[in-house]
Amino acid sequence: MKLIQYLVCLVLFGLSSIVLAESDAEFPKGWDSWPVHHSGRILGKETAIPADLPPIVIETMKTYNWVNDGKGSAYNVRLNPAQKAGDYKDGPTGVLELTDIKVLLVTEHLVGEPQYGAYTYEGKDISDAHPSLNPKACTTCHTGYGDACINGVCTK
């Protein structure tokens, strides 16, 4: 009987950590005044991704082509003007602004390490809305593309 109770506790603990997922990065106040570094479009799930794009861009397209009911979204990359590329101080660093669905994919630095989060424009944490919005998914991608992602910030 104790074994069953123990297993139930483990399952409930595991489920609670999934349900209670939250962003590691804070919502960046004032993000909308940051300059746009570059813009583009995440293609929809029915659109073929051109093979000549950089690998990080292809991965981004594959990861987020489900947004906007599979239609993709226009995006802006906004960088905090108080940050210096590659030498990020603690605090808000940048956002990938998905304009069609009004969502921010946030990067900030804490003790020199990148942190990630997903928010609505109003600041509601939505990192548990889809597996690709979980900070662990961000970390996996941002650390897997060498020169394209420097200290947790990816460029095209």
C-alpha atoms as a PDB file:
ATOM      1  CA  MET A   1       0.000   0.000   0.000  1.00  0.00           C
ATOM      2  CA  LYS A   2       2.834   2.421   0.834  1.00  0.00           C
ATOM      3  CA  LEU A   3       4.380   1.699  -2.558  1.00  0.00           C
ATOM      4  CA  ILE A   4       1.144   2.701  -4.298  1.00  0.00           C
ATOM      5  CA  GLN A   5       0.947   5.923  -2.249  1.00  0.00           C
ATOM      6  CA  TYR A   6       4.561   6.673  -3.098  1.00  0.00           C
ATOM      7  CA  LEU A   7       3.943   6.121  -6.813  1.00  0.00           C
ATOM      8  CA  VAL A   8       0.821   8.307  -6.732  1.00  0.00           C
ATOM      9  CA  CYS A   9       2.842  11.085  -5.070  1.00  0.00           C
ATOM     10  CA  LEU A  10       5.559  10.809  -7.723  1.00  0.00           C
ATOM     11  CA  VAL A  11       3.015  10.983 -10.547  1.00  0.00           C
ATOM     12  CA  LEU A  12       1.229  13.974  -8.995  1.00  0.00           C
ATOM     13  CA  PHE A  13       4.536  15.767  -8.415  1.00  0.00           C
ATOM     14  CA  GLY A  14       5.533  15.120 -12.018  1.00  0.00           C
ATOM     15  CA  LEU A  15       2.212  16.410 -13.330  1.00  0.00           C
ATOM     16  CA  SER A  16       2.345  19.497 -11.139  1.00  0.00           C
ATOM     17  CA  SER A  17       5.756  20.430 -12.513  1.00  0.00           C
ATOM     18  CA  ILE A  18       4.385  20.132 -16.059  1.00  0.00           C
ATOM     19  CA  VAL A  19       1.213  22.089 -15.332  1.00  0.00           C
ATOM     20  CA  LEU A  20       3.027  24.786 -13.378  1.00  0.00           C
ATOM     21  CA  ALA A  21       5.665  25.486 -16.021  1.00  0.00           C
ATOM     22  CA  GLU A  22       6.593  29.121 -16.091  1.00  0.00           C
ATOM     23  CA  SER A  23       8.996  31.438 -17.811  1.00  0.00           C
ATOM     24  CA  ASP A  24      12.520  31.811 -16.469  1.00  0.00           C
ATOM     25  CA  ALA A  25      12.837  35.325 -17.928  1.00  0.00           C
ATOM     26  CA  GLU A  26      10.822  38.244 -16.592  1.00  0.00           C
ATOM     27  CA  PHE A  27       8.381  40.202 -18.749  1.00  0.00           C
ATOM     28  CA  PRO A  28      10.498  43.034 -20.224  1.00  0.00           C
ATOM     29  CA  LYS A  29       8.817  46.345 -19.492  1.00  0.00           C
ATOM     30  CA  GLY A  30       9.418  48.877 -22.259  1.00  0.00           C
ATOM     31  CA  TRP A  31      10.184  46.216 -24.895  1.00  0.00           C
ATOM     32  CA  ASP A  32       8.009  48.006 -27.461  1.00  0.00           C
ATOM     33  CA  SER A  33      10.410  50.976 -27.509  1.00  0.00           C
ATOM     34  CA  TRP A  34      13.442  48.806 -28.323  1.00  0.00           C
ATOM     35  CA  PRO A  35      14.719  49.124 -31.887  1.00  0.00           C
ATOM     36  CA  VAL A  36      13.871  46.406 -34.384  1.00  0.00           C
ATOM     37  CA  HIS A  37      17.049  44.535 -35.347  1.00  0.00           C
ATOM     38  CA  HIS A  38      15.388  42.614 -38.156  1.00  0.00           C
ATOM     39  CA  SER A  39      11.972  41.378 -39.272  1.00  0.00           C
ATOM     40  CA  GLY A  40      10.626  38.411 -41.157  1.00  0.00           C
ATOM     41  CA  ARG A  41       7.896  35.836 -41.273  1.00  0.00           C
ATOM     42  CA  ILE A  42       7.544  32.410 -39.707  1.00  0.00           C
ATOM     43  CA  LEU A  43       6.013  30.359 -42.484  1.00  0.00           C
ATOM     44  CA  GLY A  44       2.820  28.404 -41.935  1.00  0.00           C
ATOM     45  CA  LYS A  45       2.808  24.644 -41.533  1.00  0.00           C
ATOM     46  CA  GLU A  46       1.621  24.087 -45.120  1.00  0.00           C
ATOM     47  CA  THR A  47       4.425  26.178 -46.648  1.00  0.00           C
ATOM     48  CA  ALA A  48       7.660  24.546 -47.805  1.00  0.00           C
ATOM     49  CA  ILE A  49      10.682  25.948 -45.995  1.00  0.00           C
ATOM     50  CA  PRO A  50      13.410  27.026 -48.426  1.00  0.00           C
ATOM     51  CA  ALA A  51      16.459  24.782 -48.025  1.00  0.00           C
ATOM     52  CA  ASP A  52      18.928  27.644 -48.519  1.00  0.00           C
ATOM     53  CA  LEU A  53      18.059  29.337 -45.206  1.00  0.00           C
ATOM     54  CA  PRO A  54      20.517  29.178 -42.296  1.00  0.00           C
ATOM     55  CA  PRO A  55      19.932  26.130 -40.048  1.00  0.00           C
ATOM     56  CA  ILE A  56      18.782  28.263 -37.087  1.00  0.00           C
ATOM     57  CA  VAL A  57      16.120  29.919 -39.268  1.00  0.00           C
ATOM     58  CA  ILE A  58      14.911  26.542 -40.574  1.00  0.00           C
ATOM     59  CA  GLU A  59      14.661  25.243 -37.002  1.00  0.00           C
ATOM     60  CA  THR A  60      12.738  28.338 -35.923  1.00  0.00           C
ATOM     61  CA  MET A  61      10.298  27.876 -38.809  1.00  0.00           C
ATOM     62  CA  LYS A  62       9.741  24.223 -37.886  1.00  0.00           C
ATOM     63  CA  THR A  63       9.370  24.991 -34.179  1.00  0.00           C
ATOM     64  CA  TYR A  64       6.813  27.794 -34.518  1.00  0.00           C
ATOM     65  CA  ASN A  65       4.903  27.021 -37.734  1.00  0.00           C
ATOM     66  CA  TRP A  66       1.925  25.957 -35.600  1.00  0.00           C
ATOM     67  CA  VAL A  67       1.210  29.506 -34.400  1.00  0.00           C
ATOM     68  CA  ASN A  68      -1.820  31.418 -35.635  1.00  0.00           C
ATOM     69  CA  ASP A  69      -3.669  28.178 -36.399  1.00  0.00           C
ATOM     70  CA  GLY A  70      -0.783  26.942 -38.541  1.00  0.00           C
ATOM     71  CA  LYS A  71      -0.574  30.119 -40.627  1.00  0.00           C
ATOM     72  CA  GLY A  72       2.683  31.325 -39.057  1.00  0.00           C
ATOM     73  CA  SER A  73       3.310  34.918 -38.079  1.00  0.00           C
ATOM     74  CA  ALA A  74       5.241  38.010 -38.993  1.00  0.00           C
ATOM     75  CA  TYR A  75       7.967  38.756 -36.463  1.00  0.00           C
ATOM     76  CA  ASN A  76      10.328  41.451 -35.260  1.00  0.00           C
ATOM     77  CA  VAL A  77      13.529  40.840 -33.363  1.00  0.00           C
ATOM     78  CA  ARG A  78      13.931  43.677 -30.883  1.00  0.00           C
ATOM     79  CA  LEU A  79      17.148  44.121 -28.904  1.00  0.00           C
ATOM     80  CA  ASN A  80      17.454  46.089 -25.701  1.00  0.00           C
ATOM     81  CA  PRO A  81      19.626  49.122 -26.576  1.00  0.00           C
ATOM     82  CA  ALA A  82      21.186  48.952 -23.103  1.00  0.00           C
ATOM     83  CA  GLN A  83      22.787  45.598 -24.002  1.00  0.00           C
ATOM     84  CA  LYS A  84      25.992  45.050 -25.965  1.00  0.00           C
ATOM     85  CA  ALA A  85      25.934  42.161 -28.470  1.00  0.00           C
ATOM     86  CA  GLY A  86      27.756  39.113 -27.137  1.00  0.00           C
ATOM     87  CA  ASP A  87      28.577  40.724 -23.783  1.00  0.00           C
ATOM     88  CA  TYR A  88      25.176  40.754 -22.116  1.00  0.00           C
ATOM     89  CA  LYS A  89      24.709  42.268 -18.686  1.00  0.00           C
ATOM     90  CA  ASP A  90      22.060  40.972 -16.305  1.00  0.00           C
ATOM     91  CA  GLY A  91      18.626  42.152 -17.334  1.00  0.00           C
ATOM     92  CA  PRO A  92      16.309  42.116 -20.359  1.00  0.00           C
ATOM     93  CA  THR A  93      18.187  41.338 -23.560  1.00  0.00           C
ATOM     94  CA  GLY A  94      15.801  40.901 -26.478  1.00  0.00           C
ATOM     95  CA  VAL A  95      12.457  39.672 -27.736  1.00  0.00           C
ATOM     96  CA  LEU A  96      11.170  37.800 -30.745  1.00  0.00           C
ATOM     97  CA  GLU A  97       7.858  39.592 -31.237  1.00  0.00           C
ATOM     98  CA  LEU A  98       5.272  37.445 -33.052  1.00  0.00           C
ATOM     99  CA  THR A  99       3.153  40.317 -34.325  1.00  0.00           C
ATOM    100  CA  ASP A 100       0.178  38.409 -35.752  1.00  0.00           C
ATOM    101  CA  ILE A 101      -0.556  36.685 -32.444  1.00  0.00           C
ATOM    102  CA  LYS A 102       0.804  39.394 -30.114  1.00  0.00           C
ATOM    103  CA  VAL A 103       3.280  37.128 -28.309  1.00  0.00           C
ATOM    104  CA  LEU A 104       6.819  37.794 -27.086  1.00  0.00           C
ATOM    105  CA  LEU A 105       9.538  35.174 -26.846  1.00  0.00           C
ATOM    106  CA  VAL A 106      11.854  36.775 -24.308  1.00  0.00           C
ATOM    107  CA  THR A 107      15.568  36.451 -23.571  1.00  0.00           C
ATOM    108  CA  GLU A 108      17.164  38.012 -20.525  1.00  0.00           C
ATOM    109  CA  HIS A 109      20.425  37.382 -18.723  1.00  0.00           C
ATOM    110  CA  LEU A 110      20.856  36.504 -15.074  1.00  0.00           C
ATOM    111  CA  VAL A 111      24.319  35.996 -13.591  1.00  0.00           C
ATOM    112  CA  GLY A 112      25.582  35.987 -17.168  1.00  0.00           C
ATOM    113  CA  GLU A 113      23.337  33.100 -18.251  1.00  0.00           C
ATOM    114  CA  PRO A 114      20.474  33.399 -20.754  1.00  0.00           C
ATOM    115  CA  GLN A 115      16.942  32.898 -19.431  1.00  0.00           C
ATOM    116  CA  TYR A 116      13.859  32.465 -21.596  1.00  0.00           C
ATOM    117  CA  GLY A 117      10.158  33.128 -21.385  1.00  0.00           C
ATOM    118  CA  ALA A 118       6.951  33.527 -23.381  1.00  0.00           C
ATOM    119  CA  TYR A 119       4.386  36.258 -22.759  1.00  0.00           C
ATOM    120  CA  THR A 120       1.433  38.023 -24.292  1.00  0.00           C
ATOM    121  CA  TYR A 121       1.862  41.718 -25.038  1.00  0.00           C
ATOM    122  CA  GLU A 122       0.035  42.379 -21.766  1.00  0.00           C
ATOM    123  CA  GLY A 123       2.572  40.369 -19.739  1.00  0.00           C
ATOM    124  CA  LYS A 124       0.664  37.111 -19.202  1.00  0.00           C
ATOM    125  CA  ASP A 125       3.066  34.149 -18.942  1.00  0.00           C
ATOM    126  CA  ILE A 126       2.124  31.588 -21.611  1.00  0.00           C
ATOM    127  CA  SER A 127       5.155  29.297 -21.418  1.00  0.00           C
ATOM    128  CA  ASP A 128       2.878  26.354 -20.604  1.00  0.00           C
ATOM    129  CA  ALA A 129       0.576  26.913 -23.611  1.00  0.00           C
ATOM    130  CA  HIS A 130       2.672  24.746 -25.979  1.00  0.00           C
ATOM    131  CA  PRO A 131       5.841  22.623 -25.540  1.00  0.00           C
ATOM    132  CA  SER A 132       7.814  24.925 -27.863  1.00  0.00           C
ATOM    133  CA  LEU A 133       7.190  27.847 -25.474  1.00  0.00           C
ATOM    134  CA  ASN A 134       8.739  26.100 -22.484  1.00  0.00           C
ATOM    135  CA  PRO A 135      12.086  27.628 -21.427  1.00  0.00           C
ATOM    136  CA  LYS A 136      13.762  24.208 -21.714  1.00  0.00           C
ATOM    137  CA  ALA A 137      12.842  24.069 -25.410  1.00  0.00           C
ATOM    138  CA  CYS A 138      14.367  27.531 -25.878  1.00  0.00           C
ATOM    139  CA  THR A 139      17.574  26.502 -24.130  1.00  0.00           C
ATOM    140  CA  THR A 140      17.908  23.381 -26.287  1.00  0.00           C
ATOM    141  CA  CYS A 141      17.643  25.337 -29.516  1.00  0.00           C
ATOM    142  CA  HIS A 142      19.678  28.367 -28.443  1.00  0.00           C
ATOM    143  CA  THR A 143      22.602  26.199 -27.356  1.00  0.00           C
ATOM    144  CA  GLY A 144      22.565  23.973 -30.440  1.00  0.00           C
ATOM    145  CA  TYR A 145      23.564  26.384 -33.173  1.00  0.00           C
ATOM    146  CA  GLY A 146      27.137  27.422 -32.395  1.00  0.00           C
ATOM    147  CA  ASP A 147      28.081  30.698 -34.068  1.00  0.00           C
ATOM    148  CA  ALA A 148      24.446  31.603 -34.834  1.00  0.00           C
ATOM    149  CA  CYS A 149      23.668  31.816 -31.098  1.00  0.00           C
ATOM    150  CA  ILE A 150      26.168  33.730 -28.992  1.00  0.00           C
ATOM    151  CA  ASN A 151      25.601  33.600 -25.231  1.00  0.00           C
ATOM    152  CA  GLY A 152      21.980  32.551 -25.733  1.00  0.00           C
ATOM    153  CA  VAL A 153      21.008  35.154 -28.332  1.00  0.00           C
ATOM    154  CA  CYS A 154      20.534  33.948 -31.895  1.00  0.00           C
ATOM    155  CA  THR A 155      20.955  36.056 -35.011  1.00  0.00           C
ATOM    156  CA  LYS A 156      20.168  35.207 -38.582  1.00  0.00           C
END
